[in-house]
Structures are given as structure tokens and as C-alpha cells.
Amino acid sequence: LPSSYHYVRFTATPSCTDAVTVRKSIQDALGQTFGMLYANTYVDILWIADDGSETVVRVAASEAAKLMASVAVYQGSPRLSVVKESPFLPSLLSA
């Protein structure tokens, strides 16, 4: 079955344990890169590490490339960097 979702594992610098702050950073990155229409892209924060150094998000498969491109050029805080991405969530366990 084809997946309608895509999962992305990020590192956060500086560490951030607040899901709202991570979501705001993603929203700002999308807005800065692709405009206000994409700033409202639906992104689920699935997991944040206890120390706030990593997070896993779920996004529509059609929006995954835009998400990864926007966080790559975003200069705000926290700075997110892609560790691994996949349409299959369990594959993100191995880094």
C-alpha cells in the first residue's frame, strides 16, 4: 500500500523540548521559503527526545520535499537538520 504520509527525523540546535516551539520553527521556515500558503502546512510532531536534541514529524507525502528544503535554508532557532526521512516510520529508528 502506498503511504500518504512521510516521516522526517530532525536534530535540533539548540535542544528544544517544546513541541509548540518546534512547530513554530517549521511554520516559519515554510513561510519564509514558500510563502504564507505553505506556512499552514499540516505537520504532526510525533516525538521529541527527552533532552530535546531530536524530533520526528509526520507530513503529507506531497509536502515532504518542501518541508526538508525549507528547514535546510532556515536560519531561525531552533535550527533543524534532517537526519533521516522515509515513508516508513520504523525505518527512522536506525540513524
PDB file of N, CA and C in Angstrom:
ATOM      1  N   LEU A   1       0.826  -1.196   0.000  1.00  0.00           N
ATOM      2  CA  LEU A   1       0.000   0.000   0.000  1.00  0.00           C
ATOM      3  C   LEU A   1       0.865   1.252   0.000  1.00  0.00           C
ATOM      4  N   PRO A   2       0.578   2.187  -0.858  1.00  0.00           N
ATOM      5  CA  PRO A   2       1.329   3.441  -0.839  1.00  0.00           C
ATOM      6  C   PRO A   2       0.969   4.268   0.392  1.00  0.00           C
ATOM      7  N   SER A   3       1.961   4.909   0.950  1.00  0.00           N
ATOM      8  CA  SER A   3       1.749   5.723   2.140  1.00  0.00           C
ATOM      9  C   SER A   3       1.385   7.143   1.742  1.00  0.00           C
ATOM     10  N   SER A   4       0.423   7.727   2.449  1.00  0.00           N
ATOM     11  CA  SER A   4       0.062   9.114   2.172  1.00  0.00           C
ATOM     12  C   SER A   4       0.832  10.061   3.086  1.00  0.00           C
ATOM     13  N   TYR A   5       1.646   9.487   3.986  1.00  0.00           N
ATOM     14  CA  TYR A   5       2.438  10.286   4.912  1.00  0.00           C
ATOM     15  C   TYR A   5       3.925  10.054   4.685  1.00  0.00           C
ATOM     16  N   HIS A   6       4.691  11.013   5.132  1.00  0.00           N
ATOM     17  CA  HIS A   6       6.143  10.893   5.094  1.00  0.00           C
ATOM     18  C   HIS A   6       6.658  11.302   6.476  1.00  0.00           C
ATOM     19  N   TYR A   7       7.682  10.636   6.953  1.00  0.00           N
ATOM     20  CA  TYR A   7       8.220  10.875   8.285  1.00  0.00           C
ATOM     21  C   TYR A   7       9.632  11.416   8.170  1.00  0.00           C
ATOM     22  N   VAL A   8       9.940  12.397   9.000  1.00  0.00           N
ATOM     23  CA  VAL A   8      11.263  13.018   8.956  1.00  0.00           C
ATOM     24  C   VAL A   8      11.804  13.113  10.382  1.00  0.00           C
ATOM     25  N   ARG A   9      13.049  12.681  10.552  1.00  0.00           N
ATOM     26  CA  ARG A   9      13.737  12.780  11.845  1.00  0.00           C
ATOM     27  C   ARG A   9      14.730  13.929  11.748  1.00  0.00           C
ATOM     28  N   PHE A  10      14.633  14.865  12.682  1.00  0.00           N
ATOM     29  CA  PHE A  10      15.483  16.048  12.709  1.00  0.00           C
ATOM     30  C   PHE A  10      16.319  16.083  13.978  1.00  0.00           C
ATOM     31  N   THR A  11      17.474  16.740  13.899  1.00  0.00           N
ATOM     32  CA  THR A  11      18.179  17.153  15.108  1.00  0.00           C
ATOM     33  C   THR A  11      17.841  18.630  15.305  1.00  0.00           C
ATOM     34  N   ALA A  12      17.815  19.055  16.557  1.00  0.00           N
ATOM     35  CA  ALA A  12      17.501  20.449  16.882  1.00  0.00           C
ATOM     36  C   ALA A  12      18.693  21.076  17.587  1.00  0.00           C
ATOM     37  N   THR A  13      19.085  22.271  17.124  1.00  0.00           N
ATOM     38  CA  THR A  13      20.177  23.009  17.744  1.00  0.00           C
ATOM     39  C   THR A  13      19.735  24.443  17.951  1.00  0.00           C
ATOM     40  N   PRO A  14      19.658  24.963  19.143  1.00  0.00           N
ATOM     41  CA  PRO A  14      19.854  24.278  20.423  1.00  0.00           C
ATOM     42  C   PRO A  14      18.701  23.324  20.711  1.00  0.00           C
ATOM     43  N   SER A  15      18.905  22.455  21.666  1.00  0.00           N
ATOM     44  CA  SER A  15      17.884  21.487  22.035  1.00  0.00           C
ATOM     45  C   SER A  15      16.591  22.185  22.406  1.00  0.00           C
ATOM     46  N   CYS A  16      15.472  21.533  22.053  1.00  0.00           N
ATOM     47  CA  CYS A  16      14.162  22.121  22.317  1.00  0.00           C
ATOM     48  C   CYS A  16      13.180  21.005  22.669  1.00  0.00           C
ATOM     49  N   THR A  17      12.610  21.056  23.859  1.00  0.00           N
ATOM     50  CA  THR A  17      11.670  20.028  24.290  1.00  0.00           C
ATOM     51  C   THR A  17      10.217  20.454  24.125  1.00  0.00           C
ATOM     52  N   ASP A  18       9.981  21.642  23.612  1.00  0.00           N
ATOM     53  CA  ASP A  18       8.628  22.178  23.464  1.00  0.00           C
ATOM     54  C   ASP A  18       8.118  21.956  22.040  1.00  0.00           C
ATOM     55  N   ALA A  19       7.056  21.167  21.893  1.00  0.00           N
ATOM     56  CA  ALA A  19       6.502  20.860  20.576  1.00  0.00           C
ATOM     57  C   ALA A  19       5.995  22.110  19.864  1.00  0.00           C
ATOM     58  N   VAL A  20       5.462  23.058  20.609  1.00  0.00           N
ATOM     59  CA  VAL A  20       4.952  24.289  20.003  1.00  0.00           C
ATOM     60  C   VAL A  20       6.090  25.097  19.378  1.00  0.00           C
ATOM     61  N   THR A  21       7.231  25.149  20.044  1.00  0.00           N
ATOM     62  CA  THR A  21       8.392  25.875  19.516  1.00  0.00           C
ATOM     63  C   THR A  21       8.922  25.203  18.260  1.00  0.00           C
ATOM     64  N   VAL A  22       8.974  23.885  18.249  1.00  0.00           N
ATOM     65  CA  VAL A  22       9.425  23.149  17.066  1.00  0.00           C
ATOM     66  C   VAL A  22       8.455  23.392  15.915  1.00  0.00           C
ATOM     67  N   ARG A  23       7.170  23.314  16.201  1.00  0.00           N
ATOM     68  CA  ARG A  23       6.150  23.543  15.166  1.00  0.00           C
ATOM     69  C   ARG A  23       6.245  24.965  14.611  1.00  0.00           C
ATOM     70  N   LYS A  24       6.476  25.935  15.483  1.00  0.00           N
ATOM     71  CA  LYS A  24       6.603  27.332  15.060  1.00  0.00           C
ATOM     72  C   LYS A  24       7.835  27.513  14.173  1.00  0.00           C
ATOM     73  N   SER A  25       8.916  26.850  14.507  1.00  0.00           N
ATOM     74  CA  SER A  25      10.131  26.918  13.699  1.00  0.00           C
ATOM     75  C   SER A  25       9.876  26.352  12.302  1.00  0.00           C
ATOM     76  N   ILE A  26       9.176  25.228  12.227  1.00  0.00           N
ATOM     77  CA  ILE A  26       8.835  24.624  10.938  1.00  0.00           C
ATOM     78  C   ILE A  26       7.911  25.553  10.149  1.00  0.00           C
ATOM     79  N   GLN A  27       6.926  26.113  10.828  1.00  0.00           N
ATOM     80  CA  GLN A  27       5.989  27.032  10.184  1.00  0.00           C
ATOM     81  C   GLN A  27       6.724  28.260   9.635  1.00  0.00           C
ATOM     82  N   ASP A  28       7.629  28.821  10.425  1.00  0.00           N
ATOM     83  CA  ASP A  28       8.409  29.981   9.978  1.00  0.00           C
ATOM     84  C   ASP A  28       9.287  29.637   8.770  1.00  0.00           C
ATOM     85  N   ALA A  29       9.898  28.442   8.804  1.00  0.00           N
ATOM     86  CA  ALA A  29      10.750  28.022   7.688  1.00  0.00           C
ATOM     87  C   ALA A  29       9.940  27.873   6.407  1.00  0.00           C
ATOM     88  N   LEU A  30       8.784  27.239   6.498  1.00  0.00           N
ATOM     89  CA  LEU A  30       7.926  27.068   5.326  1.00  0.00           C
ATOM     90  C   LEU A  30       7.435  28.420   4.810  1.00  0.00           C
ATOM     91  N   GLY A  31       7.044  29.301   5.718  1.00  0.00           N
ATOM     92  CA  GLY A  31       6.565  30.623   5.321  1.00  0.00           C
ATOM     93  C   GLY A  31       7.648  31.461   4.671  1.00  0.00           C
ATOM     94  N   GLN A  32       8.846  31.408   5.221  1.00  0.00           N
ATOM     95  CA  GLN A  32       9.971  32.179   4.691  1.00  0.00           C
ATOM     96  C   GLN A  32      10.367  31.690   3.295  1.00  0.00           C
ATOM     97  N   THR A  33      10.322  30.391   3.096  1.00  0.00           N
ATOM     98  CA  THR A  33      10.775  29.823   1.833  1.00  0.00           C
ATOM     99  C   THR A  33       9.692  29.800   0.754  1.00  0.00           C
ATOM    100  N   PHE A  34       8.470  29.421   1.126  1.00  0.00           N
ATOM    101  CA  PHE A  34       7.421  29.209   0.128  1.00  0.00           C
ATOM    102  C   PHE A  34       6.207  30.119   0.274  1.00  0.00           C
ATOM    103  N   GLY A  35       6.205  30.996   1.267  1.00  0.00           N
ATOM    104  CA  GLY A  35       5.103  31.934   1.429  1.00  0.00           C
ATOM    105  C   GLY A  35       4.063  31.461   2.439  1.00  0.00           C
ATOM    106  N   MET A  36       3.118  32.336   2.717  1.00  0.00           N
ATOM    107  CA  MET A  36       2.131  32.082   3.767  1.00  0.00           C
ATOM    108  C   MET A  36       1.231  30.880   3.483  1.00  0.00           C
ATOM    109  N   LEU A  37       0.983  30.567   2.240  1.00  0.00           N
ATOM    110  CA  LEU A  37       0.153  29.415   1.918  1.00  0.00           C
ATOM    111  C   LEU A  37       0.762  28.138   2.488  1.00  0.00           C
ATOM    112  N   TYR A  38       2.056  27.970   2.324  1.00  0.00           N
ATOM    113  CA  TYR A  38       2.717  26.758   2.822  1.00  0.00           C
ATOM    114  C   TYR A  38       3.059  26.835   4.302  1.00  0.00           C
ATOM    115  N   ALA A  39       3.008  28.009   4.890  1.00  0.00           N
ATOM    116  CA  ALA A  39       3.263  28.135   6.329  1.00  0.00           C
ATOM    117  C   ALA A  39       2.211  27.378   7.139  1.00  0.00           C
ATOM    118  N   ASN A  40       1.050  27.167   6.556  1.00  0.00           N
ATOM    119  CA  ASN A  40      -0.024  26.450   7.245  1.00  0.00           C
ATOM    120  C   ASN A  40      -0.088  24.974   6.887  1.00  0.00           C
ATOM    121  N   THR A  41       0.997  24.433   6.362  1.00  0.00           N
ATOM    122  CA  THR A  41       1.075  23.006   6.058  1.00  0.00           C
ATOM    123  C   THR A  41       0.888  22.208   7.345  1.00  0.00           C
ATOM    124  N   TYR A  42       0.073  21.168   7.278  1.00  0.00           N
ATOM    125  CA  TYR A  42      -0.212  20.358   8.457  1.00  0.00           C
ATOM    126  C   TYR A  42       0.976  19.446   8.754  1.00  0.00           C
ATOM    127  N   VAL A  43       1.574  19.630   9.924  1.00  0.00           N
ATOM    128  CA  VAL A  43       2.721  18.836  10.357  1.00  0.00           C
ATOM    129  C   VAL A  43       2.431  18.311  11.756  1.00  0.00           C
ATOM    130  N   ASP A  44       2.561  17.006  11.937  1.00  0.00           N
ATOM    131  CA  ASP A  44       2.399  16.385  13.260  1.00  0.00           C
ATOM    132  C   ASP A  44       3.762  16.202  13.899  1.00  0.00           C
ATOM    133  N   ILE A  45       3.912  16.671  15.132  1.00  0.00           N
ATOM    134  CA  ILE A  45       5.120  16.386  15.908  1.00  0.00           C
ATOM    135  C   ILE A  45       4.841  15.067  16.623  1.00  0.00           C
ATOM    136  N   LEU A  46       5.486  13.996  16.183  1.00  0.00           N
ATOM    137  CA  LEU A  46       5.215  12.671  16.748  1.00  0.00           C
ATOM    138  C   LEU A  46       6.033  12.372  17.991  1.00  0.00           C
ATOM    139  N   TRP A  47       7.253  12.893  18.034  1.00  0.00           N
ATOM    140  CA  TRP A  47       8.149  12.549  19.141  1.00  0.00           C
ATOM    141  C   TRP A  47       9.208  13.625  19.282  1.00  0.00           C
ATOM    142  N   ILE A  48       9.530  13.935  20.522  1.00  0.00           N
ATOM    143  CA  ILE A  48      10.667  14.795  20.842  1.00  0.00           C
ATOM    144  C   ILE A  48      11.484  14.062  21.905  1.00  0.00           C
ATOM    145  N   ALA A  49      12.787  13.960  21.688  1.00  0.00           N
ATOM    146  CA  ALA A  49      13.670  13.291  22.646  1.00  0.00           C
ATOM    147  C   ALA A  49      13.600  13.994  23.993  1.00  0.00           C
ATOM    148  N   ASP A  50      13.828  13.261  25.061  1.00  0.00           N
ATOM    149  CA  ASP A  50      13.773  13.832  26.409  1.00  0.00           C
ATOM    150  C   ASP A  50      14.712  15.023  26.571  1.00  0.00           C
ATOM    151  N   ASP A  51      15.871  14.965  25.919  1.00  0.00           N
ATOM    152  CA  ASP A  51      16.819  16.082  26.024  1.00  0.00           C
ATOM    153  C   ASP A  51      16.577  17.154  24.959  1.00  0.00           C
ATOM    154  N   GLY A  52      15.590  16.928  24.077  1.00  0.00           N
ATOM    155  CA  GLY A  52      15.229  17.915  23.070  1.00  0.00           C
ATOM    156  C   GLY A  52      16.156  17.985  21.875  1.00  0.00           C
ATOM    157  N   SER A  53      17.073  17.032  21.749  1.00  0.00           N
ATOM    158  CA  SER A  53      18.060  17.086  20.666  1.00  0.00           C
ATOM    159  C   SER A  53      17.522  16.565  19.341  1.00  0.00           C
ATOM    160  N   GLU A  54      16.455  15.761  19.370  1.00  0.00           N
ATOM    161  CA  GLU A  54      15.890  15.194  18.150  1.00  0.00           C
ATOM    162  C   GLU A  54      14.377  15.222  18.191  1.00  0.00           C
ATOM    163  N   THR A  55      13.789  15.208  17.014  1.00  0.00           N
ATOM    164  CA  THR A  55      12.335  15.158  16.897  1.00  0.00           C
ATOM    165  C   THR A  55      11.955  14.400  15.630  1.00  0.00           C
ATOM    166  N   VAL A  56      10.777  13.809  15.642  1.00  0.00           N
ATOM    167  CA  VAL A  56      10.233  13.126  14.466  1.00  0.00           C
ATOM    168  C   VAL A  56       8.906  13.786  14.137  1.00  0.00           C
ATOM    169  N   VAL A  57       8.725  14.111  12.858  1.00  0.00           N
ATOM    170  CA  VAL A  57       7.483  14.732  12.412  1.00  0.00           C
ATOM    171  C   VAL A  57       6.872  13.916  11.287  1.00  0.00           C
ATOM    172  N   ARG A  58       5.553  14.071  11.133  1.00  0.00           N
ATOM    173  CA  ARG A  58       4.816  13.429  10.043  1.00  0.00           C
ATOM    174  C   ARG A  58       4.185  14.527   9.205  1.00  0.00           C
ATOM    175  N   VAL A  59       4.289  14.381   7.904  1.00  0.00           N
ATOM    176  CA  VAL A  59       3.761  15.363   6.966  1.00  0.00           C
ATOM    177  C   VAL A  59       3.176  14.604   5.773  1.00  0.00           C
ATOM    178  N   ALA A  60       2.274  15.220   5.046  1.00  0.00           N
ATOM    179  CA  ALA A  60       1.752  14.608   3.826  1.00  0.00           C
ATOM    180  C   ALA A  60       2.916  14.335   2.877  1.00  0.00           C
ATOM    181  N   ALA A  61       2.864  13.214   2.210  1.00  0.00           N
ATOM    182  CA  ALA A  61       3.953  12.833   1.306  1.00  0.00           C
ATOM    183  C   ALA A  61       4.208  13.906   0.258  1.00  0.00           C
ATOM    184  N   SER A  62       3.174  14.565  -0.190  1.00  0.00           N
ATOM    185  CA  SER A  62       3.328  15.598  -1.222  1.00  0.00           C
ATOM    186  C   SER A  62       4.024  16.860  -0.709  1.00  0.00           C
ATOM    187  N   GLU A  63       4.100  17.021   0.609  1.00  0.00           N
ATOM    188  CA  GLU A  63       4.703  18.216   1.207  1.00  0.00           C
ATOM    189  C   GLU A  63       6.098  17.961   1.777  1.00  0.00           C
ATOM    190  N   ALA A  64       6.562  16.720   1.772  1.00  0.00           N
ATOM    191  CA  ALA A  64       7.825  16.365   2.427  1.00  0.00           C
ATOM    192  C   ALA A  64       9.026  17.096   1.828  1.00  0.00           C
ATOM    193  N   ALA A  65       9.103  17.168   0.527  1.00  0.00           N
ATOM    194  CA  ALA A  65      10.251  17.826  -0.112  1.00  0.00           C
ATOM    195  C   ALA A  65      10.292  19.309   0.243  1.00  0.00           C
ATOM    196  N   LYS A  66       9.140  19.962   0.268  1.00  0.00           N
ATOM    197  CA  LYS A  66       9.081  21.378   0.639  1.00  0.00           C
ATOM    198  C   LYS A  66       9.515  21.577   2.091  1.00  0.00           C
ATOM    199  N   LEU A  67       9.086  20.684   2.964  1.00  0.00           N
ATOM    200  CA  LEU A  67       9.459  20.772   4.379  1.00  0.00           C
ATOM    201  C   LEU A  67      10.972  20.668   4.539  1.00  0.00           C
ATOM    202  N   MET A  68      11.571  19.664   3.927  1.00  0.00           N
ATOM    203  CA  MET A  68      13.013  19.465   4.077  1.00  0.00           C
ATOM    204  C   MET A  68      13.816  20.593   3.434  1.00  0.00           C
ATOM    205  N   ALA A  69      13.352  21.104   2.303  1.00  0.00           N
ATOM    206  CA  ALA A  69      14.045  22.220   1.653  1.00  0.00           C
ATOM    207  C   ALA A  69      13.960  23.479   2.502  1.00  0.00           C
ATOM    208  N   SER A  70      12.804  23.731   3.089  1.00  0.00           N
ATOM    209  CA  SER A  70      12.632  24.966   3.863  1.00  0.00           C
ATOM    210  C   SER A  70      13.453  24.960   5.152  1.00  0.00           C
ATOM    211  N   VAL A  71      13.527  23.827   5.854  1.00  0.00           N
ATOM    212  CA  VAL A  71      14.327  23.813   7.085  1.00  0.00           C
ATOM    213  C   VAL A  71      15.822  23.855   6.773  1.00  0.00           C
ATOM    214  N   ALA A  72      16.200  23.415   5.573  1.00  0.00           N
ATOM    215  CA  ALA A  72      17.618  23.458   5.186  1.00  0.00           C
ATOM    216  C   ALA A  72      18.126  24.893   5.054  1.00  0.00           C
ATOM    217  N   VAL A  73      17.277  25.801   4.612  1.00  0.00           N
ATOM    218  CA  VAL A  73      17.704  27.186   4.408  1.00  0.00           C
ATOM    219  C   VAL A  73      17.308  28.116   5.550  1.00  0.00           C
ATOM    220  N   TYR A  74      16.490  27.635   6.474  1.00  0.00           N
ATOM    221  CA  TYR A  74      16.004  28.470   7.573  1.00  0.00           C
ATOM    222  C   TYR A  74      17.124  28.766   8.574  1.00  0.00           C
ATOM    223  N   GLN A  75      17.220  30.021   8.996  1.00  0.00           N
ATOM    224  CA  GLN A  75      18.286  30.434   9.913  1.00  0.00           C
ATOM    225  C   GLN A  75      17.787  30.722  11.329  1.00  0.00           C
ATOM    226  N   GLY A  76      16.517  30.456  11.600  1.00  0.00           N
ATOM    227  CA  GLY A  76      15.957  30.739  12.918  1.00  0.00           C
ATOM    228  C   GLY A  76      16.363  29.715  13.957  1.00  0.00           C
ATOM    229  N   SER A  77      15.758  29.828  15.125  1.00  0.00           N
ATOM    230  CA  SER A  77      16.070  28.934  16.237  1.00  0.00           C
ATOM    231  C   SER A  77      14.786  28.295  16.744  1.00  0.00           C
ATOM    232  N   PRO A  78      14.784  27.007  17.018  1.00  0.00           N
ATOM    233  CA  PRO A  78      15.894  26.072  16.902  1.00  0.00           C
ATOM    234  C   PRO A  78      16.162  25.715  15.439  1.00  0.00           C
ATOM    235  N   ARG A  79      17.403  25.458  15.147  1.00  0.00           N
ATOM    236  CA  ARG A  79      17.827  25.067  13.805  1.00  0.00           C
ATOM    237  C   ARG A  79      17.603  23.577  13.659  1.00  0.00           C
ATOM    238  N   LEU A  80      16.826  23.166  12.665  1.00  0.00           N
ATOM    239  CA  LEU A  80      16.535  21.758  12.443  1.00  0.00           C
ATOM    240  C   LEU A  80      17.359  21.241  11.275  1.00  0.00           C
ATOM    241  N   SER A  81      17.908  20.041  11.440  1.00  0.00           N
ATOM    242  CA  SER A  81      18.686  19.386  10.383  1.00  0.00           C
ATOM    243  C   SER A  81      18.140  17.984  10.179  1.00  0.00           C
ATOM    244  N   VAL A  82      17.961  17.599   8.940  1.00  0.00           N
ATOM    245  CA  VAL A  82      17.414  16.278   8.622  1.00  0.00           C
ATOM    246  C   VAL A  82      18.449  15.205   8.934  1.00  0.00           C
ATOM    247  N   VAL A  83      18.026  14.206   9.713  1.00  0.00           N
ATOM    248  CA  VAL A  83      18.859  13.038   9.999  1.00  0.00           C
ATOM    249  C   VAL A  83      18.489  11.923   9.029  1.00  0.00           C
ATOM    250  N   LYS A  84      17.182  11.690   8.902  1.00  0.00           N
ATOM    251  CA  LYS A  84      16.695  10.615   8.043  1.00  0.00           C
ATOM    252  C   LYS A  84      15.245  10.898   7.701  1.00  0.00           C
ATOM    253  N   GLU A  85      14.808  10.447   6.532  1.00  0.00           N
ATOM    254  CA  GLU A  85      13.425  10.614   6.128  1.00  0.00           C
ATOM    255  C   GLU A  85      12.972   9.356   5.403  1.00  0.00           C
ATOM    256  N   SER A  86      11.664   9.044   5.539  1.00  0.00           N
ATOM    257  CA  SER A  86      11.160   7.824   4.936  1.00  0.00           C
ATOM    258  C   SER A  86       9.633   7.816   4.979  1.00  0.00           C
ATOM    259  N   PRO A  87       8.999   7.080   4.053  1.00  0.00           N
ATOM    260  CA  PRO A  87       7.565   6.895   4.159  1.00  0.00           C
ATOM    261  C   PRO A  87       7.204   5.793   5.152  1.00  0.00           C
ATOM    262  N   PHE A  88       8.218   5.129   5.728  1.00  0.00           N
ATOM    263  CA  PHE A  88       8.021   4.020   6.651  1.00  0.00           C
ATOM    264  C   PHE A  88       8.600   4.410   8.011  1.00  0.00           C
ATOM    265  N   LEU A  89       7.755   4.719   8.966  1.00  0.00           N
ATOM    266  CA  LEU A  89       8.177   5.244  10.270  1.00  0.00           C
ATOM    267  C   LEU A  89       9.238   4.404  10.983  1.00  0.00           C
ATOM    268  N   PRO A  90       9.095   3.074  11.089  1.00  0.00           N
ATOM    269  CA  PRO A  90      10.115   2.287  11.807  1.00  0.00           C
ATOM    270  C   PRO A  90      11.525   2.396  11.228  1.00  0.00           C
ATOM    271  N   SER A  91      11.656   2.772   9.965  1.00  0.00           N
ATOM    272  CA  SER A  91      12.991   2.878   9.394  1.00  0.00           C
ATOM    273  C   SER A  91      13.787   4.054   9.973  1.00  0.00           C
ATOM    274  N   LEU A  92      13.121   4.978  10.671  1.00  0.00           N
ATOM    275  CA  LEU A  92      13.814   6.110  11.266  1.00  0.00           C
ATOM    276  C   LEU A  92      14.561   5.729  12.539  1.00  0.00           C
ATOM    277  N   LEU A  93      14.327   4.522  13.046  1.00  0.00           N
ATOM    278  CA  LEU A  93      14.987   4.091  14.277  1.00  0.00           C
ATOM    279  C   LEU A  93      16.491   3.955  14.117  1.00  0.00           C
ATOM    280  N   SER A  94      16.943   3.516  12.954  1.00  0.00           N
ATOM    281  CA  SER A  94      18.377   3.385  12.732  1.00  0.00           C
ATOM    282  C   SER A  94      18.910   4.680  12.156  1.00  0.00           C
ATOM    283  N   ALA A  95      19.894   5.242  12.841  1.00  0.00           N
ATOM    284  CA  ALA A  95      20.430   6.536  12.386  1.00  0.00           C
ATOM    285  C   ALA A  95      21.832   6.373  11.863  1.00  0.00           C
TER     286      ALA A  95
END
